[in-house]
């Protein structure tokens, strides 16, 4: 895969890589993994929220009407 980055972002990644004594490739892999994990957690939380809303719909409606 080839990734073309804006110059400013490329410079930021270069600085991070240099400071951590790793390659830009390693920085991008770590960032992609963090993003994927974050998105996965977001999907699970939204799914659980939907389940809770369905399960307690009557209770939530009563609270809203109170």
Protein backbone atom coordinates (compact mmCIF):
# COMPACT_ATOMS: atom_id res chain seq x y z
CA UNK A 1 0.00 0.00 0.00
CA UNK A 2 1.20 3.49 -0.76
CA UNK A 3 0.13 6.37 1.43
CA UNK A 4 0.53 9.96 0.29
CA UNK A 5 0.47 12.36 3.21
CA UNK A 6 0.23 16.12 3.28
CA UNK A 7 3.68 17.62 3.90
CA UNK A 8 2.74 18.96 7.35
CA UNK A 9 1.44 15.58 8.56
CA UNK A 10 4.47 13.82 7.11
CA UNK A 11 6.74 16.21 9.00
CA UNK A 12 4.81 15.60 12.23
CA UNK A 13 5.11 11.83 11.80
CA UNK A 14 8.80 12.18 11.05
CA UNK A 15 9.30 14.17 14.27
CA UNK A 16 7.37 11.60 16.31
CA UNK A 17 9.31 8.73 14.77
CA UNK A 18 12.64 10.44 15.39
CA UNK A 19 11.74 11.25 19.02
CA UNK A 20 10.67 7.65 19.66
CA UNK A 21 13.56 6.13 17.69
CA UNK A 22 11.22 4.16 15.44
CA UNK A 23 10.25 4.32 11.77
CA UNK A 24 7.38 6.37 10.37
CA UNK A 25 5.94 3.03 9.25
CA UNK A 26 5.80 1.89 12.89
CA UNK A 27 4.16 5.17 13.91
CA UNK A 28 1.49 4.77 11.22
CA UNK A 29 0.85 1.12 12.17
CA UNK A 30 0.41 2.10 15.83
CA UNK A 31 -1.92 4.97 14.91
CA UNK A 32 -4.00 2.76 12.62
CA UNK A 33 -4.30 0.09 15.32
CA UNK A 34 -5.41 2.66 17.89
CA UNK A 35 -7.99 4.05 15.46
CA UNK A 36 -9.34 0.59 14.62
CA UNK A 37 -9.63 -0.30 18.32
CA UNK A 38 -11.36 2.99 19.07
CA UNK A 39 -13.87 2.52 16.26
CA UNK A 40 -14.55 -1.04 17.38
CA UNK A 41 -15.24 0.13 20.93
CA UNK A 42 -17.52 2.89 19.66
CA UNK A 43 -19.53 0.36 17.64
CA UNK A 44 -19.89 -1.91 20.70
CA UNK A 45 -20.99 0.98 22.93
CA UNK A 46 -23.59 2.14 20.40
CA UNK A 47 -24.86 -1.42 20.03
CA UNK A 48 -25.18 -1.80 23.81
CA UNK A 49 -26.96 1.54 24.06
CA UNK A 50 -29.47 0.37 21.44
CA UNK A 51 -30.05 -2.87 23.36
CA UNK A 52 -30.58 -1.02 26.64
CA UNK A 53 -32.97 1.43 24.98
CA UNK A 54 -35.01 -1.44 23.56
CA UNK A 55 -34.96 -3.45 26.79
CA UNK A 56 -36.04 -0.54 28.98
CA UNK A 57 -38.25 1.32 26.51
CA UNK A 58 -41.31 1.12 28.78
CA UNK A 59 -39.38 2.35 31.81
CA UNK A 60 -37.81 5.17 29.84
CA UNK A 61 -41.22 6.20 28.52
CA UNK A 62 -42.67 6.26 32.04
CA UNK A 63 -39.78 8.40 33.25
CA UNK A 64 -40.30 10.75 30.33
CA UNK A 65 -44.02 11.07 31.13
CA UNK A 66 -43.46 11.63 34.87
